[in-house]
Structure formats: structure tokens, C-alpha cells
Amino acid sequence: MKKLFFVYSRNGDTFPILSSIKLPDFLMYKKQKYVGKKAKIEAVLRLSNIRLLSTLTSQQINEYIAENIFNTSLWVDYYEIYKEISSEFDVLSEKYELNYTVSVEFNDLIVDIADQRFLYLLTQELLGFKFKEYNGLENPIISFNRL
């Protein structure tokens, strides 16, 4: 069985990105702006204009919140601000550049081309490394040709 794959580089990286479909030049995605202790630090800042150090551990931040905000009149406001901060996203874009197309011939075993193990094996072969098996998947790749 043969399948065509498109090999891209992302934002100038040399590590290949494989796709069974053509990708647009730019892909946009959302990423959470604040997560974990950064969200708590930002919530404290917006609530009380006190900037906690980013070098503090999560436990130290939790202790500060427990001592100064929890079970006080500020708690409701803090929690609302925290929920708002947790739902903030940044929109990011990544540039994908098509490097080449590769035709892959693999054995007739049923192969899910979206299986991460198969994609790992193919990526490694493109980088010059051949594995007989990866995480329980016997390497189904017989050959490949760059087009």
C-alpha cells in the first residue's frame, strides 16, 4: 500500500512535521494566557495591585492566598478575577513551509496513518534512523521516496 505525505518545517525548525493533507501556510491557534501559579499571581495583582514574585513556589503562593484573601471579603472578588484570567487566551500563529512530498510504501497490515507510533517511525526514517518496532508497533514501512 502507498500513501503520500507532506513534509513541512514549522517556523524555520529543522525537525520535520508530517501531514497526510496539505497544510495552509499559516495556522492559527489559541493558547491559554495564564495557567497555574501564573494565573494566581495575575489574579492577586489585579485584585490588590500586589505583584508576587514569579520565583515563589505554588505552595508559597497558595499560602499567601490562604493567609490574605481566603475567608475574607476579598475572596469572592479574587475568585471572579481568577475565573476571568483562566479564560483568557492568546492567539498565536505558526508558519508552515512545505519542504517536500514523500511517497511511503508500507506492508498490507492495517495501519492507522494517524497513529503517533507510525508517524514517529516515519519521522525517524526521514531523519535517517530505522527502527524495527516502536511501542509495540512493528515497523510497516517498506520504502519511501522523496518527490
N, C-alpha and C. Protein backbone atom coordinates (compact mmCIF):
# COMPACT_ATOMS: atom_id res chain seq x y z
N MET A 1 0.86 -1.17 0.00
CA MET A 1 0.00 0.00 0.00
C MET A 1 0.90 1.23 0.00
N LYS A 2 0.50 2.27 -0.74
CA LYS A 2 1.27 3.50 -0.80
C LYS A 2 0.43 4.67 -0.32
N LYS A 3 1.10 5.61 0.30
CA LYS A 3 0.42 6.82 0.80
C LYS A 3 1.36 7.99 0.62
N LEU A 4 0.80 9.13 0.27
CA LEU A 4 1.57 10.35 0.09
C LEU A 4 1.53 11.18 1.37
N PHE A 5 2.68 11.69 1.81
CA PHE A 5 2.77 12.55 2.97
C PHE A 5 3.48 13.84 2.57
N PHE A 6 3.09 14.92 3.23
CA PHE A 6 3.71 16.22 3.01
C PHE A 6 4.61 16.51 4.21
N VAL A 7 5.82 16.94 3.92
CA VAL A 7 6.80 17.19 4.98
C VAL A 7 7.04 18.69 5.06
N TYR A 8 6.75 19.24 6.23
CA TYR A 8 6.83 20.68 6.47
C TYR A 8 7.89 21.00 7.52
N SER A 9 8.35 22.24 7.50
CA SER A 9 9.10 22.77 8.63
C SER A 9 8.26 23.88 9.23
N ARG A 10 8.32 24.00 10.55
CA ARG A 10 7.48 24.96 11.26
C ARG A 10 8.37 26.08 11.79
N ASN A 11 8.03 27.30 11.43
CA ASN A 11 8.75 28.49 11.91
C ASN A 11 10.27 28.34 11.77
N GLY A 12 10.72 27.69 10.71
CA GLY A 12 12.14 27.56 10.46
C GLY A 12 12.82 26.42 11.19
N ASP A 13 12.07 25.60 11.96
CA ASP A 13 12.66 24.44 12.63
C ASP A 13 13.16 23.44 11.59
N THR A 14 14.16 22.66 11.95
CA THR A 14 14.67 21.65 11.04
C THR A 14 13.97 20.31 11.24
N PHE A 15 13.30 20.12 12.37
CA PHE A 15 12.61 18.86 12.64
C PHE A 15 11.39 18.77 11.74
N PRO A 16 11.20 17.67 10.99
CA PRO A 16 10.09 17.59 10.04
C PRO A 16 8.73 17.42 10.70
N ILE A 17 7.74 18.07 10.12
CA ILE A 17 6.34 17.92 10.52
C ILE A 17 5.65 17.17 9.39
N LEU A 18 5.03 16.03 9.72
CA LEU A 18 4.37 15.21 8.70
C LEU A 18 2.88 15.47 8.69
N SER A 19 2.31 15.44 7.49
CA SER A 19 0.87 15.59 7.36
C SER A 19 0.40 14.76 6.17
N SER A 20 -0.76 14.16 6.31
CA SER A 20 -1.32 13.41 5.18
C SER A 20 -2.16 14.32 4.29
N ILE A 21 -2.35 15.56 4.72
CA ILE A 21 -3.08 16.55 3.92
C ILE A 21 -2.21 17.80 3.79
N LYS A 22 -2.50 18.61 2.79
CA LYS A 22 -1.77 19.86 2.63
C LYS A 22 -2.20 20.83 3.72
N LEU A 23 -1.23 21.51 4.30
CA LEU A 23 -1.50 22.49 5.35
C LEU A 23 -1.43 23.89 4.77
N PRO A 24 -2.19 24.83 5.34
CA PRO A 24 -2.06 26.22 4.91
C PRO A 24 -0.70 26.78 5.35
N ASP A 25 -0.31 27.89 4.75
CA ASP A 25 0.98 28.50 5.09
C ASP A 25 1.05 28.92 6.55
N PHE A 26 -0.07 29.38 7.09
CA PHE A 26 -0.12 29.81 8.49
C PHE A 26 -1.26 29.08 9.18
N LEU A 27 -1.00 28.60 10.39
CA LEU A 27 -2.05 28.01 11.22
C LEU A 27 -2.18 28.85 12.47
N MET A 28 -3.40 29.21 12.80
CA MET A 28 -3.67 30.00 14.00
C MET A 28 -4.22 29.06 15.07
N TYR A 29 -3.84 29.31 16.30
CA TYR A 29 -4.37 28.53 17.41
C TYR A 29 -4.41 29.39 18.67
N LYS A 30 -5.22 28.95 19.62
CA LYS A 30 -5.35 29.67 20.88
C LYS A 30 -4.56 28.95 21.95
N LYS A 31 -3.93 29.75 22.81
CA LYS A 31 -3.18 29.21 23.93
C LYS A 31 -3.59 29.98 25.17
N GLN A 32 -3.82 29.26 26.26
CA GLN A 32 -4.21 29.91 27.50
C GLN A 32 -3.10 30.87 27.93
N LYS A 33 -3.52 32.10 28.27
CA LYS A 33 -2.55 33.13 28.61
C LYS A 33 -1.92 32.89 29.98
N TYR A 34 -2.71 32.54 30.96
CA TYR A 34 -2.22 32.30 32.32
C TYR A 34 -2.71 30.94 32.80
N VAL A 35 -1.79 30.16 33.37
CA VAL A 35 -2.14 28.84 33.89
C VAL A 35 -1.44 28.65 35.23
N GLY A 36 -2.06 27.90 36.13
CA GLY A 36 -1.45 27.53 37.39
C GLY A 36 -1.06 28.72 38.25
N LYS A 37 0.17 28.70 38.72
CA LYS A 37 0.60 29.75 39.65
C LYS A 37 0.66 31.11 38.97
N LYS A 38 0.90 31.15 37.66
CA LYS A 38 0.92 32.43 36.95
C LYS A 38 -0.47 33.07 36.97
N ALA A 39 -1.51 32.24 36.87
CA ALA A 39 -2.87 32.75 36.94
C ALA A 39 -3.17 33.31 38.33
N LYS A 40 -2.70 32.64 39.36
CA LYS A 40 -2.91 33.12 40.73
C LYS A 40 -2.16 34.41 40.98
N ILE A 41 -0.92 34.50 40.49
CA ILE A 41 -0.13 35.73 40.64
C ILE A 41 -0.83 36.90 39.95
N GLU A 42 -1.34 36.65 38.75
CA GLU A 42 -2.04 37.71 38.00
C GLU A 42 -3.33 38.11 38.70
N ALA A 43 -4.05 37.14 39.26
CA ALA A 43 -5.30 37.44 39.97
C ALA A 43 -5.02 38.30 41.20
N VAL A 44 -3.98 37.99 41.95
CA VAL A 44 -3.61 38.79 43.13
C VAL A 44 -3.22 40.20 42.69
N LEU A 45 -2.48 40.30 41.59
CA LEU A 45 -2.07 41.61 41.08
C LEU A 45 -3.29 42.46 40.70
N ARG A 46 -4.22 41.87 39.98
CA ARG A 46 -5.41 42.63 39.55
C ARG A 46 -6.32 42.96 40.73
N LEU A 47 -6.34 42.12 41.72
CA LEU A 47 -7.20 42.35 42.87
C LEU A 47 -6.63 43.42 43.80
N SER A 48 -5.35 43.29 44.15
CA SER A 48 -4.80 44.15 45.21
C SER A 48 -3.60 44.98 44.78
N ASN A 49 -3.24 44.89 43.51
CA ASN A 49 -2.10 45.62 42.97
C ASN A 49 -0.80 45.23 43.68
N ILE A 50 -0.75 43.99 44.16
CA ILE A 50 0.46 43.45 44.78
C ILE A 50 1.02 42.40 43.84
N ARG A 51 2.26 42.61 43.40
CA ARG A 51 2.88 41.64 42.49
C ARG A 51 3.71 40.64 43.30
N LEU A 52 3.27 39.39 43.26
CA LEU A 52 4.03 38.31 43.90
C LEU A 52 5.16 37.90 42.97
N LEU A 53 6.27 37.51 43.53
CA LEU A 53 7.42 37.11 42.72
C LEU A 53 7.13 35.81 41.97
N SER A 54 7.55 35.75 40.74
CA SER A 54 7.34 34.53 39.96
C SER A 54 8.25 33.40 40.42
N THR A 55 9.24 33.73 41.24
CA THR A 55 10.15 32.69 41.76
C THR A 55 9.55 31.95 42.95
N LEU A 56 8.43 32.44 43.46
CA LEU A 56 7.76 31.74 44.57
C LEU A 56 7.23 30.40 44.07
N THR A 57 7.18 29.42 44.96
CA THR A 57 6.62 28.12 44.60
C THR A 57 5.09 28.21 44.64
N SER A 58 4.46 27.23 44.05
CA SER A 58 2.99 27.17 44.08
C SER A 58 2.49 27.11 45.51
N GLN A 59 3.18 26.36 46.35
CA GLN A 59 2.78 26.25 47.75
C GLN A 59 2.87 27.60 48.46
N GLN A 60 3.91 28.37 48.20
CA GLN A 60 4.06 29.69 48.82
C GLN A 60 2.95 30.64 48.36
N ILE A 61 2.59 30.55 47.10
CA ILE A 61 1.51 31.39 46.57
C ILE A 61 0.19 30.98 47.20
N ASN A 62 -0.05 29.69 47.31
CA ASN A 62 -1.27 29.20 47.95
C ASN A 62 -1.34 29.64 49.41
N GLU A 63 -0.20 29.62 50.08
CA GLU A 63 -0.17 30.06 51.48
C GLU A 63 -0.47 31.56 51.58
N TYR A 64 0.05 32.35 50.66
CA TYR A 64 -0.24 33.79 50.66
C TYR A 64 -1.74 34.04 50.47
N ILE A 65 -2.32 33.31 49.52
CA ILE A 65 -3.76 33.47 49.25
C ILE A 65 -4.57 33.02 50.47
N ALA A 66 -4.17 31.91 51.09
CA ALA A 66 -4.88 31.41 52.27
C ALA A 66 -4.81 32.41 53.42
N GLU A 67 -3.67 33.05 53.61
CA GLU A 67 -3.49 33.98 54.73
C GLU A 67 -4.13 35.35 54.49
N ASN A 68 -4.12 35.82 53.24
CA ASN A 68 -4.50 37.20 52.97
C ASN A 68 -5.82 37.39 52.22
N ILE A 69 -6.30 36.33 51.57
CA ILE A 69 -7.50 36.50 50.73
C ILE A 69 -8.62 35.54 51.11
N PHE A 70 -8.29 34.28 51.32
CA PHE A 70 -9.32 33.28 51.61
C PHE A 70 -10.01 33.61 52.94
N ASN A 71 -11.33 33.39 52.96
CA ASN A 71 -12.17 33.68 54.13
C ASN A 71 -12.16 35.17 54.52
N THR A 72 -11.96 36.03 53.53
CA THR A 72 -12.09 37.47 53.76
C THR A 72 -13.10 38.00 52.75
N SER A 73 -13.39 39.27 52.86
CA SER A 73 -14.34 39.88 51.92
C SER A 73 -13.76 39.93 50.50
N LEU A 74 -12.46 39.75 50.35
CA LEU A 74 -11.81 39.79 49.03
C LEU A 74 -11.96 38.49 48.25
N TRP A 75 -12.34 37.41 48.95
CA TRP A 75 -12.34 36.09 48.31
C TRP A 75 -13.24 36.02 47.08
N VAL A 76 -14.45 36.53 47.17
CA VAL A 76 -15.39 36.46 46.05
C VAL A 76 -14.83 37.21 44.85
N ASP A 77 -14.28 38.40 45.10
CA ASP A 77 -13.70 39.17 44.01
C ASP A 77 -12.48 38.45 43.41
N TYR A 78 -11.64 37.90 44.27
CA TYR A 78 -10.47 37.16 43.80
C TYR A 78 -10.90 36.00 42.91
N TYR A 79 -11.88 35.24 43.35
CA TYR A 79 -12.32 34.07 42.60
C TYR A 79 -12.89 34.47 41.24
N GLU A 80 -13.65 35.55 41.18
CA GLU A 80 -14.19 36.03 39.90
C GLU A 80 -13.06 36.46 38.96
N ILE A 81 -12.10 37.17 39.51
CA ILE A 81 -10.95 37.60 38.70
C ILE A 81 -10.17 36.38 38.22
N TYR A 82 -9.99 35.42 39.09
CA TYR A 82 -9.25 34.20 38.73
C TYR A 82 -9.94 33.46 37.59
N LYS A 83 -11.26 33.32 37.67
CA LYS A 83 -12.01 32.65 36.59
C LYS A 83 -11.86 33.41 35.28
N GLU A 84 -11.91 34.73 35.34
CA GLU A 84 -11.75 35.56 34.15
C GLU A 84 -10.35 35.37 33.55
N ILE A 85 -9.34 35.39 34.38
CA ILE A 85 -7.97 35.22 33.93
C ILE A 85 -7.77 33.83 33.32
N SER A 86 -8.37 32.83 33.92
CA SER A 86 -8.22 31.46 33.42
C SER A 86 -8.85 31.26 32.05
N SER A 87 -9.75 32.16 31.66
CA SER A 87 -10.39 32.01 30.35
C SER A 87 -9.80 32.95 29.30
N GLU A 88 -8.70 33.62 29.63
CA GLU A 88 -8.04 34.48 28.66
C GLU A 88 -7.10 33.66 27.78
N PHE A 89 -7.12 33.96 26.48
CA PHE A 89 -6.30 33.24 25.52
C PHE A 89 -5.51 34.21 24.67
N ASP A 90 -4.34 33.77 24.24
CA ASP A 90 -3.56 34.48 23.22
C ASP A 90 -3.77 33.73 21.91
N VAL A 91 -3.88 34.47 20.83
CA VAL A 91 -3.97 33.85 19.51
C VAL A 91 -2.57 33.88 18.91
N LEU A 92 -2.07 32.70 18.58
CA LEU A 92 -0.73 32.56 18.04
C LEU A 92 -0.80 32.00 16.63
N SER A 93 0.22 32.25 15.86
CA SER A 93 0.27 31.68 14.52
C SER A 93 1.61 31.01 14.31
N GLU A 94 1.58 29.97 13.51
CA GLU A 94 2.79 29.26 13.15
C GLU A 94 2.86 29.20 11.63
N LYS A 95 4.04 29.44 11.12
CA LYS A 95 4.24 29.39 9.68
C LYS A 95 4.75 28.00 9.31
N TYR A 96 4.09 27.39 8.34
CA TYR A 96 4.49 26.07 7.85
C TYR A 96 4.99 26.22 6.42
N GLU A 97 6.17 25.67 6.17
CA GLU A 97 6.76 25.72 4.84
C GLU A 97 6.89 24.30 4.31
N LEU A 98 6.31 24.06 3.13
CA LEU A 98 6.38 22.72 2.54
C LEU A 98 7.80 22.48 2.05
N ASN A 99 8.46 21.46 2.60
CA ASN A 99 9.82 21.13 2.18
C ASN A 99 9.82 20.17 0.99
N TYR A 100 9.05 19.09 1.13
CA TYR A 100 8.96 18.12 0.05
C TYR A 100 7.79 17.18 0.33
N THR A 101 7.50 16.35 -0.65
CA THR A 101 6.46 15.33 -0.52
C THR A 101 7.16 13.98 -0.52
N VAL A 102 6.62 13.07 0.22
CA VAL A 102 7.23 11.74 0.30
C VAL A 102 6.15 10.68 0.04
N SER A 103 6.48 9.72 -0.81
CA SER A 103 5.60 8.59 -1.08
C SER A 103 6.10 7.42 -0.23
N VAL A 104 5.22 6.93 0.62
CA VAL A 104 5.60 5.87 1.55
C VAL A 104 4.88 4.58 1.17
N GLU A 105 5.68 3.51 1.04
CA GLU A 105 5.10 2.20 0.78
C GLU A 105 5.22 1.39 2.06
N PHE A 106 4.09 0.87 2.52
CA PHE A 106 4.13 0.05 3.73
C PHE A 106 3.36 -1.23 3.48
N ASN A 107 3.62 -2.23 4.35
CA ASN A 107 3.04 -3.55 4.13
C ASN A 107 1.52 -3.50 4.26
N ASP A 108 0.88 -4.58 3.89
CA ASP A 108 -0.58 -4.61 3.81
C ASP A 108 -1.29 -4.74 5.14
N LEU A 109 -0.54 -4.77 6.23
CA LEU A 109 -1.19 -4.78 7.54
C LEU A 109 -2.01 -3.51 7.69
N ILE A 110 -3.04 -3.57 8.45
CA ILE A 110 -3.87 -2.38 8.66
C ILE A 110 -3.08 -1.37 9.47
N VAL A 111 -2.80 -0.23 8.86
CA VAL A 111 -2.00 0.80 9.50
C VAL A 111 -2.85 2.07 9.60
N ASP A 112 -2.96 2.58 10.82
CA ASP A 112 -3.64 3.85 11.03
C ASP A 112 -2.59 4.93 10.85
N ILE A 113 -2.70 5.69 9.76
CA ILE A 113 -1.66 6.68 9.47
C ILE A 113 -1.69 7.85 10.45
N ALA A 114 -2.73 7.93 11.27
CA ALA A 114 -2.78 8.97 12.30
C ALA A 114 -2.19 8.47 13.62
N ASP A 115 -1.82 7.21 13.67
CA ASP A 115 -1.23 6.63 14.89
C ASP A 115 0.12 7.30 15.14
N GLN A 116 0.29 7.85 16.33
CA GLN A 116 1.52 8.57 16.67
C GLN A 116 2.76 7.67 16.55
N ARG A 117 2.59 6.40 16.80
CA ARG A 117 3.72 5.47 16.70
C ARG A 117 4.18 5.35 15.25
N PHE A 118 3.22 5.25 14.32
CA PHE A 118 3.56 5.17 12.89
C PHE A 118 4.24 6.46 12.44
N LEU A 119 3.69 7.60 12.85
CA LEU A 119 4.27 8.88 12.47
C LEU A 119 5.68 9.04 13.04
N TYR A 120 5.89 8.52 14.26
CA TYR A 120 7.23 8.56 14.85
C TYR A 120 8.20 7.73 14.02
N LEU A 121 7.79 6.50 13.64
CA LEU A 121 8.65 5.64 12.83
C LEU A 121 8.99 6.29 11.50
N LEU A 122 8.00 6.90 10.86
CA LEU A 122 8.23 7.55 9.58
C LEU A 122 9.15 8.76 9.74
N THR A 123 8.94 9.55 10.77
CA THR A 123 9.79 10.71 11.03
C THR A 123 11.23 10.27 11.24
N GLN A 124 11.43 9.21 12.01
CA GLN A 124 12.78 8.71 12.26
C GLN A 124 13.44 8.21 10.99
N GLU A 125 12.67 7.56 10.12
CA GLU A 125 13.23 7.10 8.84
C GLU A 125 13.64 8.28 7.98
N LEU A 126 12.84 9.35 8.00
CA LEU A 126 13.19 10.54 7.23
C LEU A 126 14.46 11.19 7.77
N LEU A 127 14.70 11.04 9.07
CA LEU A 127 15.90 11.59 9.69
C LEU A 127 17.10 10.65 9.56
N GLY A 128 16.87 9.46 8.98
CA GLY A 128 17.98 8.53 8.74
C GLY A 128 18.11 7.41 9.75
N PHE A 129 17.13 7.23 10.62
CA PHE A 129 17.17 6.16 11.63
C PHE A 129 16.07 5.16 11.33
N LYS A 130 16.40 3.88 11.37
CA LYS A 130 15.39 2.84 11.10
C LYS A 130 15.21 1.99 12.34
N PHE A 131 13.96 1.84 12.76
CA PHE A 131 13.62 1.01 13.91
C PHE A 131 12.78 -0.16 13.44
N LYS A 132 12.97 -1.33 14.04
CA LYS A 132 12.16 -2.50 13.70
C LYS A 132 10.78 -2.41 14.34
N GLU A 133 10.74 -1.73 15.51
CA GLU A 133 9.47 -1.63 16.24
C GLU A 133 9.52 -0.44 17.16
N TYR A 134 8.34 0.11 17.45
CA TYR A 134 8.26 1.24 18.38
C TYR A 134 6.98 1.13 19.17
N ASN A 135 7.11 1.04 20.49
CA ASN A 135 5.96 0.95 21.42
C ASN A 135 4.93 -0.09 20.97
N GLY A 136 5.40 -1.26 20.59
CA GLY A 136 4.50 -2.35 20.24
C GLY A 136 4.05 -2.37 18.80
N LEU A 137 4.42 -1.38 18.00
CA LEU A 137 4.05 -1.36 16.58
C LEU A 137 5.26 -1.79 15.77
N GLU A 138 5.11 -2.93 15.06
CA GLU A 138 6.17 -3.37 14.16
C GLU A 138 6.22 -2.42 12.98
N ASN A 139 7.42 -2.02 12.61
CA ASN A 139 7.59 -1.03 11.54
C ASN A 139 7.01 -1.55 10.22
N PRO A 140 5.92 -0.93 9.72
CA PRO A 140 5.30 -1.40 8.50
C PRO A 140 5.91 -0.77 7.23
N ILE A 141 6.86 0.14 7.38
CA ILE A 141 7.40 0.89 6.24
C ILE A 141 8.36 0.00 5.45
N ILE A 142 8.03 -0.17 4.17
CA ILE A 142 8.89 -0.94 3.28
C ILE A 142 9.91 -0.01 2.63
N SER A 143 9.42 1.12 2.09
CA SER A 143 10.31 2.09 1.45
C SER A 143 9.61 3.43 1.37
N PHE A 144 10.40 4.47 1.06
CA PHE A 144 9.83 5.78 0.83
C PHE A 144 10.71 6.51 -0.19
N ASN A 145 10.05 7.39 -0.95
CA ASN A 145 10.74 8.17 -1.96
C ASN A 145 10.36 9.63 -1.80
N ARG A 146 11.38 10.48 -1.73
CA ARG A 146 11.10 11.92 -1.70
C ARG A 146 10.78 12.38 -3.11
N LEU A 147 9.73 13.14 -3.21
CA LEU A 147 9.32 13.65 -4.53
C LEU A 147 9.61 15.13 -4.66
